[in-house]
PDB file of N, CA and C in Angstrom:
ATOM      1  N   MET A   1     -25.231 -59.999  44.116  1.00  0.00           N
ATOM      2  CA  MET A   1     -24.057 -60.213  43.293  1.00  0.00           C
ATOM      3  C   MET A   1     -23.489 -59.150  42.302  1.00  0.00           C
ATOM      4  N   ASP A   2     -22.348 -59.546  42.012  1.00  0.00           N
ATOM      5  CA  ASP A   2     -22.005 -58.377  41.442  1.00  0.00           C
ATOM      6  C   ASP A   2     -20.851 -59.105  39.907  1.00  0.00           C
ATOM      7  N   TYR A   3     -21.820 -58.871  38.559  1.00  0.00           N
ATOM      8  CA  TYR A   3     -21.524 -59.653  37.504  1.00  0.00           C
ATOM      9  C   TYR A   3     -20.507 -59.201  36.497  1.00  0.00           C
ATOM     10  N   HIS A   4     -20.123 -57.413  37.048  1.00  0.00           N
ATOM     11  CA  HIS A   4     -19.320 -56.713  36.384  1.00  0.00           C
ATOM     12  C   HIS A   4     -17.757 -57.194  36.740  1.00  0.00           C
ATOM     13  N   ILE A   5     -16.817 -57.331  35.824  1.00  0.00           N
ATOM     14  CA  ILE A   5     -15.645 -57.546  35.471  1.00  0.00           C
ATOM     15  C   ILE A   5     -15.103 -56.308  35.933  1.00  0.00           C
ATOM     16  N   ASN A   6     -13.798 -56.613  37.024  1.00  0.00           N
ATOM     17  CA  ASN A   6     -13.447 -55.451  37.686  1.00  0.00           C
ATOM     18  C   ASN A   6     -12.189 -55.291  36.486  1.00  0.00           C
ATOM     19  N   PRO A   7     -10.876 -53.658  36.188  1.00  0.00           N
ATOM     20  CA  PRO A   7     -10.402 -53.074  35.512  1.00  0.00           C
ATOM     21  C   PRO A   7      -9.198 -54.442  35.431  1.00  0.00           C
ATOM     22  N   GLN A   8      -8.496 -54.689  36.177  1.00  0.00           N
ATOM     23  CA  GLN A   8      -7.635 -55.424  35.918  1.00  0.00           C
ATOM     24  C   GLN A   8      -7.576 -56.764  35.408  1.00  0.00           C
ATOM     25  N   GLU A   9      -9.133 -57.164  36.028  1.00  0.00           N
ATOM     26  CA  GLU A   9      -9.330 -58.473  35.159  1.00  0.00           C
ATOM     27  C   GLU A   9      -9.891 -58.289  33.949  1.00  0.00           C
ATOM     28  N   TRP A  10      -9.917 -57.407  33.361  1.00  0.00           N
ATOM     29  CA  TRP A  10     -10.283 -57.140  31.827  1.00  0.00           C
ATOM     30  C   TRP A  10      -9.357 -56.143  31.576  1.00  0.00           C
ATOM     31  N   GLU A  11      -8.067 -56.150  31.643  1.00  0.00           N
ATOM     32  CA  GLU A  11      -7.636 -55.571  31.172  1.00  0.00           C
ATOM     33  C   GLU A  11      -6.561 -56.992  30.219  1.00  0.00           C
ATOM     34  N   ALA A  12      -6.211 -58.100  31.647  1.00  0.00           N
ATOM     35  CA  ALA A  12      -5.913 -59.439  31.617  1.00  0.00           C
ATOM     36  C   ALA A  12      -6.847 -60.070  30.270  1.00  0.00           C
ATOM     37  N   ILE A  13      -7.777 -60.288  30.361  1.00  0.00           N
ATOM     38  CA  ILE A  13      -8.671 -60.868  29.787  1.00  0.00           C
ATOM     39  C   ILE A  13      -8.715 -60.346  28.338  1.00  0.00           C
ATOM     40  N   LEU A  14      -8.854 -58.948  28.167  1.00  0.00           N
ATOM     41  CA  LEU A  14      -8.705 -58.704  26.511  1.00  0.00           C
ATOM     42  C   LEU A  14      -7.135 -58.780  26.027  1.00  0.00           C
ATOM     43  N   PHE A  15      -6.788 -58.940  27.017  1.00  0.00           N
ATOM     44  CA  PHE A  15      -4.990 -59.289  26.501  1.00  0.00           C
ATOM     45  C   PHE A  15      -4.972 -60.386  25.875  1.00  0.00           C
ATOM     46  N   PHE A  16      -5.745 -61.317  26.913  1.00  0.00           N
ATOM     47  CA  PHE A  16      -5.668 -62.773  26.214  1.00  0.00           C
ATOM     48  C   PHE A  16      -6.560 -63.278  24.740  1.00  0.00           C
ATOM     49  N   LEU A  17      -7.735 -62.379  24.542  1.00  0.00           N
ATOM     50  CA  LEU A  17      -8.511 -62.755  23.533  1.00  0.00           C
ATOM     51  C   LEU A  17      -7.874 -61.984  22.388  1.00  0.00           C
ATOM     52  N   GLU A  18      -7.052 -61.045  22.789  1.00  0.00           N
ATOM     53  CA  GLU A  18      -6.628 -60.612  21.263  1.00  0.00           C
ATOM     54  C   GLU A  18      -5.670 -61.265  20.694  1.00  0.00           C
ATOM     55  N   ASN A  19      -5.323 -62.576  21.513  1.00  0.00           N
ATOM     56  CA  ASN A  19      -3.774 -63.225  20.875  1.00  0.00           C
ATOM     57  C   ASN A  19      -4.512 -64.406  20.345  1.00  0.00           C
ATOM     58  N   ILE A  20      -5.927 -64.547  20.286  1.00  0.00           N
ATOM     59  CA  ILE A  20      -6.840 -65.860  19.677  1.00  0.00           C
ATOM     60  C   ILE A  20      -6.752 -65.465  18.220  1.00  0.00           C
ATOM     61  N   PRO A  21      -6.085 -66.372  17.059  1.00  0.00           N
ATOM     62  CA  PRO A  21      -6.510 -65.985  16.058  1.00  0.00           C
ATOM     63  C   PRO A  21      -7.600 -65.852  15.822  1.00  0.00           C
ATOM     64  N   GLY A  22      -8.375 -65.339  14.998  1.00  0.00           N
ATOM     65  CA  GLY A  22      -9.771 -65.158  14.278  1.00  0.00           C
ATOM     66  C   GLY A  22     -11.255 -64.198  15.181  1.00  0.00           C
ATOM     67  N   LEU A  23     -10.603 -63.933  16.184  1.00  0.00           N
ATOM     68  CA  LEU A  23     -11.673 -63.327  17.528  1.00  0.00           C
ATOM     69  C   LEU A  23     -11.016 -62.018  16.996  1.00  0.00           C
ATOM     70  N   HIS A  24     -12.355 -61.038  17.073  1.00  0.00           N
ATOM     71  CA  HIS A  24     -12.607 -60.208  17.131  1.00  0.00           C
ATOM     72  C   HIS A  24     -12.666 -59.179  18.459  1.00  0.00           C
ATOM     73  N   THR A  25     -11.410 -58.442  18.305  1.00  0.00           N
ATOM     74  CA  THR A  25     -12.027 -57.319  19.613  1.00  0.00           C
ATOM     75  C   THR A  25     -12.252 -56.197  19.724  1.00  0.00           C
ATOM     76  N   ILE A  26     -12.408 -55.298  18.243  1.00  0.00           N
ATOM     77  CA  ILE A  26     -12.621 -54.339  17.938  1.00  0.00           C
ATOM     78  C   ILE A  26     -13.615 -53.616  18.947  1.00  0.00           C
ATOM     79  N   LYS A  27     -14.838 -54.311  19.369  1.00  0.00           N
ATOM     80  CA  LYS A  27     -15.801 -53.864  19.652  1.00  0.00           C
ATOM     81  C   LYS A  27     -15.844 -54.388  21.179  1.00  0.00           C
ATOM     82  N   ASP A  28     -14.299 -53.962  22.194  1.00  0.00           N
ATOM     83  CA  ASP A  28     -14.467 -54.472  23.619  1.00  0.00           C
ATOM     84  C   ASP A  28     -15.493 -53.923  24.388  1.00  0.00           C
ATOM     85  N   LYS A  29     -16.696 -53.173  24.522  1.00  0.00           N
ATOM     86  CA  LYS A  29     -17.288 -52.926  25.098  1.00  0.00           C
ATOM     87  C   LYS A  29     -18.428 -53.618  24.849  1.00  0.00           C
ATOM     88  N   GLU A  30     -18.771 -54.218  23.851  1.00  0.00           N
ATOM     89  CA  GLU A  30     -19.263 -55.094  23.653  1.00  0.00           C
ATOM     90  C   GLU A  30     -19.018 -56.827  23.610  1.00  0.00           C
ATOM     91  N   LEU A  31     -17.894 -56.947  23.725  1.00  0.00           N
ATOM     92  CA  LEU A  31     -16.660 -58.255  24.457  1.00  0.00           C
ATOM     93  C   LEU A  31     -17.308 -58.326  25.932  1.00  0.00           C
ATOM     94  N   ARG A  32     -16.909 -57.178  26.048  1.00  0.00           N
ATOM     95  CA  ARG A  32     -16.674 -57.244  27.894  1.00  0.00           C
ATOM     96  C   ARG A  32     -18.663 -57.636  28.360  1.00  0.00           C
ATOM     97  N   ARG A  33     -19.363 -56.554  27.665  1.00  0.00           N
ATOM     98  CA  ARG A  33     -20.741 -57.554  27.631  1.00  0.00           C
ATOM     99  C   ARG A  33     -21.359 -58.720  27.943  1.00  0.00           C
ATOM    100  N   PHE A  34     -21.070 -59.271  26.315  1.00  0.00           N
ATOM    101  CA  PHE A  34     -21.096 -60.751  26.913  1.00  0.00           C
ATOM    102  C   PHE A  34     -20.273 -61.462  28.105  1.00  0.00           C
ATOM    103  N   ILE A  35     -19.404 -61.179  27.731  1.00  0.00           N
ATOM    104  CA  ILE A  35     -18.576 -61.811  28.921  1.00  0.00           C
ATOM    105  C   ILE A  35     -19.557 -61.891  30.318  1.00  0.00           C
ATOM    106  N   GLU A  36     -19.858 -60.599  31.149  1.00  0.00           N
ATOM    107  CA  GLU A  36     -20.585 -60.460  31.982  1.00  0.00           C
ATOM    108  C   GLU A  36     -21.576 -61.249  31.999  1.00  0.00           C
ATOM    109  N   GLY A  37     -22.243 -61.264  30.583  1.00  0.00           N
ATOM    110  CA  GLY A  37     -23.438 -61.682  30.083  1.00  0.00           C
ATOM    111  C   GLY A  37     -23.655 -63.344  31.152  1.00  0.00           C
ATOM    112  N   VAL A  38     -22.474 -63.875  30.179  1.00  0.00           N
ATOM    113  CA  VAL A  38     -22.064 -65.332  30.475  1.00  0.00           C
ATOM    114  C   VAL A  38     -21.861 -65.623  32.366  1.00  0.00           C
ATOM    115  N   GLY A  39     -21.258 -64.725  32.430  1.00  0.00           N
ATOM    116  CA  GLY A  39     -20.748 -64.477  33.925  1.00  0.00           C
ATOM    117  C   GLY A  39     -22.774 -64.224  35.159  1.00  0.00           C
ATOM    118  N   TYR A  40     -23.063 -63.608  34.452  1.00  0.00           N
ATOM    119  CA  TYR A  40     -24.828 -63.754  35.716  1.00  0.00           C
ATOM    120  C   TYR A  40     -25.179 -65.380  34.910  1.00  0.00           C
ATOM    121  N   LEU A  41     -25.627 -65.503  33.341  1.00  0.00           N
ATOM    122  CA  LEU A  41     -26.026 -67.451  33.273  1.00  0.00           C
ATOM    123  C   LEU A  41     -25.119 -67.564  34.101  1.00  0.00           C
ATOM    124  N   LEU A  42     -24.465 -68.150  34.148  1.00  0.00           N
ATOM    125  CA  LEU A  42     -23.355 -69.334  35.038  1.00  0.00           C
ATOM    126  C   LEU A  42     -23.965 -68.915  37.011  1.00  0.00           C
ATOM    127  N   ARG A  43     -23.939 -67.623  37.188  1.00  0.00           N
ATOM    128  CA  ARG A  43     -24.402 -67.337  38.493  1.00  0.00           C
ATOM    129  C   ARG A  43     -25.806 -67.421  39.517  1.00  0.00           C
ATOM    130  N   THR A  44     -26.363 -67.375  38.160  1.00  0.00           N
ATOM    131  CA  THR A  44     -27.959 -67.124  38.240  1.00  0.00           C
ATOM    132  C   THR A  44     -28.272 -68.718  38.192  1.00  0.00           C
ATOM    133  N   GLY A  45     -28.309 -69.081  37.099  1.00  0.00           N
ATOM    134  CA  GLY A  45     -28.246 -70.712  37.192  1.00  0.00           C
ATOM    135  C   GLY A  45     -29.881 -70.152  36.004  1.00  0.00           C
ATOM    136  N   CYS A  46     -30.420 -68.740  35.404  1.00  0.00           N
ATOM    137  CA  CYS A  46     -30.593 -68.480  34.567  1.00  0.00           C
ATOM    138  C   CYS A  46     -31.127 -68.902  33.165  1.00  0.00           C
ATOM    139  N   GLN A  47     -32.103 -69.581  33.123  1.00  0.00           N
ATOM    140  CA  GLN A  47     -32.492 -69.729  30.671  1.00  0.00           C
ATOM    141  C   GLN A  47     -31.767 -68.867  30.241  1.00  0.00           C
ATOM    142  N   TRP A  48     -30.987 -68.920  29.255  1.00  0.00           N
ATOM    143  CA  TRP A  48     -31.012 -68.010  27.840  1.00  0.00           C
ATOM    144  C   TRP A  48     -31.837 -67.097  27.311  1.00  0.00           C
ATOM    145  N   ARG A  49     -32.882 -67.746  27.080  1.00  0.00           N
ATOM    146  CA  ARG A  49     -34.198 -66.753  26.884  1.00  0.00           C
ATOM    147  C   ARG A  49     -34.752 -65.582  28.058  1.00  0.00           C
ATOM    148  N   LEU A  50     -34.210 -65.686  29.538  1.00  0.00           N
ATOM    149  CA  LEU A  50     -34.356 -64.931  30.260  1.00  0.00           C
ATOM    150  C   LEU A  50     -33.164 -63.830  30.985  1.00  0.00           C
ATOM    151  N   LEU A  51     -32.231 -64.382  29.799  1.00  0.00           N
ATOM    152  CA  LEU A  51     -31.055 -63.284  30.371  1.00  0.00           C
ATOM    153  C   LEU A  51     -31.122 -61.721  29.968  1.00  0.00           C
ATOM    154  N   PRO A  52     -31.219 -60.310  30.436  1.00  0.00           N
ATOM    155  CA  PRO A  52     -31.511 -59.238  30.756  1.00  0.00           C
ATOM    156  C   PRO A  52     -31.351 -58.980  29.265  1.00  0.00           C
ATOM    157  N   TYR A  53     -31.887 -58.141  28.944  1.00  0.00           N
ATOM    158  CA  TYR A  53     -31.415 -57.308  27.239  1.00  0.00           C
ATOM    159  C   TYR A  53     -30.358 -56.730  27.296  1.00  0.00           C
ATOM    160  N   TYR A  54     -29.897 -56.615  28.683  1.00  0.00           N
ATOM    161  CA  TYR A  54     -28.329 -55.547  28.583  1.00  0.00           C
ATOM    162  C   TYR A  54     -27.230 -56.441  27.831  1.00  0.00           C
ATOM    163  N   TYR A  55     -27.109 -57.648  28.080  1.00  0.00           N
ATOM    164  CA  TYR A  55     -26.400 -58.317  27.797  1.00  0.00           C
ATOM    165  C   TYR A  55     -26.181 -58.745  25.857  1.00  0.00           C
ATOM    166  N   GLY A  56     -27.255 -58.220  25.604  1.00  0.00           N
ATOM    167  CA  GLY A  56     -27.779 -58.500  24.206  1.00  0.00           C
ATOM    168  C   GLY A  56     -28.659 -59.378  24.391  1.00  0.00           C
ATOM    169  N   HIS A  57     -29.244 -59.691  23.226  1.00  0.00           N
ATOM    170  CA  HIS A  57     -29.710 -60.364  22.405  1.00  0.00           C
ATOM    171  C   HIS A  57     -29.642 -62.446  22.853  1.00  0.00           C
ATOM    172  N   TRP A  58     -30.509 -63.004  23.455  1.00  0.00           N
ATOM    173  CA  TRP A  58     -29.807 -64.394  24.287  1.00  0.00           C
ATOM    174  C   TRP A  58     -29.802 -65.584  23.116  1.00  0.00           C
ATOM    175  N   ARG A  59     -30.191 -65.115  21.907  1.00  0.00           N
ATOM    176  CA  ARG A  59     -29.624 -66.139  20.747  1.00  0.00           C
ATOM    177  C   ARG A  59     -28.094 -65.694  20.471  1.00  0.00           C
ATOM    178  N   ALA A  60     -28.356 -64.295  20.504  1.00  0.00           N
ATOM    179  CA  ALA A  60     -26.563 -64.341  20.047  1.00  0.00           C
ATOM    180  C   ALA A  60     -25.451 -64.650  20.582  1.00  0.00           C
ATOM    181  N   LEU A  61     -25.937 -64.534  21.872  1.00  0.00           N
ATOM    182  CA  LEU A  61     -25.140 -64.142  23.026  1.00  0.00           C
ATOM    183  C   LEU A  61     -24.747 -66.233  23.201  1.00  0.00           C
ATOM    184  N   TYR A  62     -25.710 -67.261  23.019  1.00  0.00           N
ATOM    185  CA  TYR A  62     -25.607 -68.524  22.869  1.00  0.00           C
ATOM    186  C   TYR A  62     -24.709 -69.058  22.075  1.00  0.00           C
ATOM    187  N   LYS A  63     -25.092 -68.126  20.816  1.00  0.00           N
ATOM    188  CA  LYS A  63     -24.093 -68.856  19.738  1.00  0.00           C
ATOM    189  C   LYS A  63     -22.412 -68.532  19.457  1.00  0.00           C
ATOM    190  N   ARG A  64     -22.376 -67.426  20.298  1.00  0.00           N
ATOM    191  CA  ARG A  64     -21.209 -66.951  20.873  1.00  0.00           C
ATOM    192  C   ARG A  64     -20.180 -67.907  21.764  1.00  0.00           C
ATOM    193  N   PHE A  65     -21.391 -68.258  22.509  1.00  0.00           N
ATOM    194  CA  PHE A  65     -20.684 -69.171  24.012  1.00  0.00           C
ATOM    195  C   PHE A  65     -20.928 -70.452  23.546  1.00  0.00           C
ATOM    196  N   LYS A  66     -21.652 -71.142  22.873  1.00  0.00           N
ATOM    197  CA  LYS A  66     -21.141 -72.048  21.956  1.00  0.00           C
ATOM    198  C   LYS A  66     -20.337 -72.453  20.850  1.00  0.00           C
ATOM    199  N   LEU A  67     -19.885 -71.549  20.687  1.00  0.00           N
ATOM    200  CA  LEU A  67     -18.655 -71.130  19.786  1.00  0.00           C
ATOM    201  C   LEU A  67     -17.372 -70.892  20.216  1.00  0.00           C
ATOM    202  N   TRP A  68     -17.498 -70.194  21.159  1.00  0.00           N
ATOM    203  CA  TRP A  68     -16.284 -70.126  22.178  1.00  0.00           C
ATOM    204  C   TRP A  68     -15.728 -71.910  22.638  1.00  0.00           C
ATOM    205  N   SER A  69     -16.791 -72.493  23.301  1.00  0.00           N
ATOM    206  CA  SER A  69     -17.383 -73.789  23.933  1.00  0.00           C
ATOM    207  C   SER A  69     -15.989 -74.396  23.603  1.00  0.00           C
ATOM    208  N   ASP A  70     -16.506 -74.849  22.046  1.00  0.00           N
ATOM    209  CA  ASP A  70     -16.548 -75.515  21.258  1.00  0.00           C
ATOM    210  C   ASP A  70     -14.743 -75.545  20.728  1.00  0.00           C
ATOM    211  N   ARG A  71     -14.135 -74.489  20.607  1.00  0.00           N
ATOM    212  CA  ARG A  71     -13.113 -73.901  20.516  1.00  0.00           C
ATOM    213  C   ARG A  71     -12.475 -73.818  22.032  1.00  0.00           C
ATOM    214  N   GLY A  72     -12.575 -74.010  22.741  1.00  0.00           N
ATOM    215  CA  GLY A  72     -11.959 -74.106  23.945  1.00  0.00           C
ATOM    216  C   GLY A  72     -11.369 -72.810  24.890  1.00  0.00           C
ATOM    217  N   ILE A  73     -11.809 -71.899  24.322  1.00  0.00           N
ATOM    218  CA  ILE A  73     -11.608 -70.568  24.846  1.00  0.00           C
ATOM    219  C   ILE A  73     -12.040 -70.350  26.183  1.00  0.00           C
ATOM    220  N   TRP A  74     -13.122 -70.973  26.629  1.00  0.00           N
ATOM    221  CA  TRP A  74     -13.173 -70.690  27.858  1.00  0.00           C
ATOM    222  C   TRP A  74     -12.828 -71.220  28.360  1.00  0.00           C
ATOM    223  N   ARG A  75     -12.328 -72.066  28.844  1.00  0.00           N
ATOM    224  CA  ARG A  75     -10.947 -72.984  29.645  1.00  0.00           C
ATOM    225  C   ARG A  75      -9.838 -72.564  29.926  1.00  0.00           C
ATOM    226  N   GLN A  76      -9.357 -72.207  28.880  1.00  0.00           N
ATOM    227  CA  GLN A  76      -8.139 -71.114  28.900  1.00  0.00           C
ATOM    228  C   GLN A  76      -8.719 -69.552  29.689  1.00  0.00           C
ATOM    229  N   LEU A  77      -9.425 -69.203  29.130  1.00  0.00           N
ATOM    230  CA  LEU A  77     -10.239 -68.217  29.895  1.00  0.00           C
ATOM    231  C   LEU A  77     -10.241 -68.477  30.882  1.00  0.00           C
ATOM    232  N   PHE A  78     -10.999 -69.021  31.615  1.00  0.00           N
ATOM    233  CA  PHE A  78     -10.734 -68.650  33.056  1.00  0.00           C
ATOM    234  C   PHE A  78      -9.581 -69.216  33.605  1.00  0.00           C
ATOM    235  N   SER A  79      -8.806 -70.223  33.617  1.00  0.00           N
ATOM    236  CA  SER A  79      -7.589 -70.275  33.749  1.00  0.00           C
ATOM    237  C   SER A  79      -6.967 -69.034  34.408  1.00  0.00           C
ATOM    238  N   THR A  80      -6.616 -68.504  33.061  1.00  0.00           N
ATOM    239  CA  THR A  80      -5.813 -66.770  32.942  1.00  0.00           C
ATOM    240  C   THR A  80      -7.047 -66.238  34.436  1.00  0.00           C
ATOM    241  N   VAL A  81      -8.070 -66.115  34.205  1.00  0.00           N
ATOM    242  CA  VAL A  81      -8.870 -65.383  35.095  1.00  0.00           C
ATOM    243  C   VAL A  81      -8.621 -65.747  36.804  1.00  0.00           C
ATOM    244  N   GLN A  82      -8.063 -67.080  36.390  1.00  0.00           N
ATOM    245  CA  GLN A  82      -8.018 -67.991  38.154  1.00  0.00           C
ATOM    246  C   GLN A  82      -6.438 -67.340  38.598  1.00  0.00           C
ATOM    247  N   LYS A  83      -5.576 -67.819  37.689  1.00  0.00           N
ATOM    248  CA  LYS A  83      -4.312 -66.872  37.982  1.00  0.00           C
ATOM    249  C   LYS A  83      -3.962 -65.191  38.344  1.00  0.00           C
ATOM    250  N   ILE A  84      -5.157 -64.721  37.528  1.00  0.00           N
ATOM    251  CA  ILE A  84      -5.478 -63.530  37.991  1.00  0.00           C
ATOM    252  C   ILE A  84      -5.573 -62.751  39.456  1.00  0.00           C
ATOM    253  N   ARG A  85      -6.676 -63.551  39.533  1.00  0.00           N
ATOM    254  CA  ARG A  85      -6.885 -63.940  41.018  1.00  0.00           C
ATOM    255  C   ARG A  85      -6.546 -64.311  42.097  1.00  0.00           C
ATOM    256  N   ILE A  86      -5.488 -64.962  41.907  1.00  0.00           N
ATOM    257  CA  ILE A  86      -4.584 -65.779  43.225  1.00  0.00           C
ATOM    258  C   ILE A  86      -3.075 -65.287  43.008  1.00  0.00           C
ATOM    259  N   LEU A  87      -2.696 -64.791  42.345  1.00  0.00           N
ATOM    260  CA  LEU A  87      -1.804 -63.397  41.580  1.00  0.00           C
ATOM    261  C   LEU A  87      -2.190 -61.830  43.025  1.00  0.00           C
ATOM    262  N   SER A  88      -2.845 -60.954  42.943  1.00  0.00           N
ATOM    263  CA  SER A  88      -3.899 -60.686  43.588  1.00  0.00           C
ATOM    264  C   SER A  88      -4.029 -60.291  45.357  1.00  0.00           C
ATOM    265  N   LEU A  89      -4.148 -61.759  45.931  1.00  0.00           N
ATOM    266  CA  LEU A  89      -3.848 -62.245  46.837  1.00  0.00           C
ATOM    267  C   LEU A  89      -3.388 -61.364  47.618  1.00  0.00           C
TER     268      LEU A  89
END
């Protein structure tokens, strides 16, 4: 399975995230790794504590994931990615 975001999707995701007030996107490499880590978690069904350290410390990822969930960022982000995938067909 591939857990990496392709360049076209990443450009759209980064553009989307840069327009959210209060969201820091300066370290886009870390941000990309975080999003890919959440993708890994969703695809494998592993526990937070078992995430490969490549994606960062599990607790930091969980806290950011929860914050984004509470703010509705994930819903908007998945909708954006879905539109990109439909347009690329």
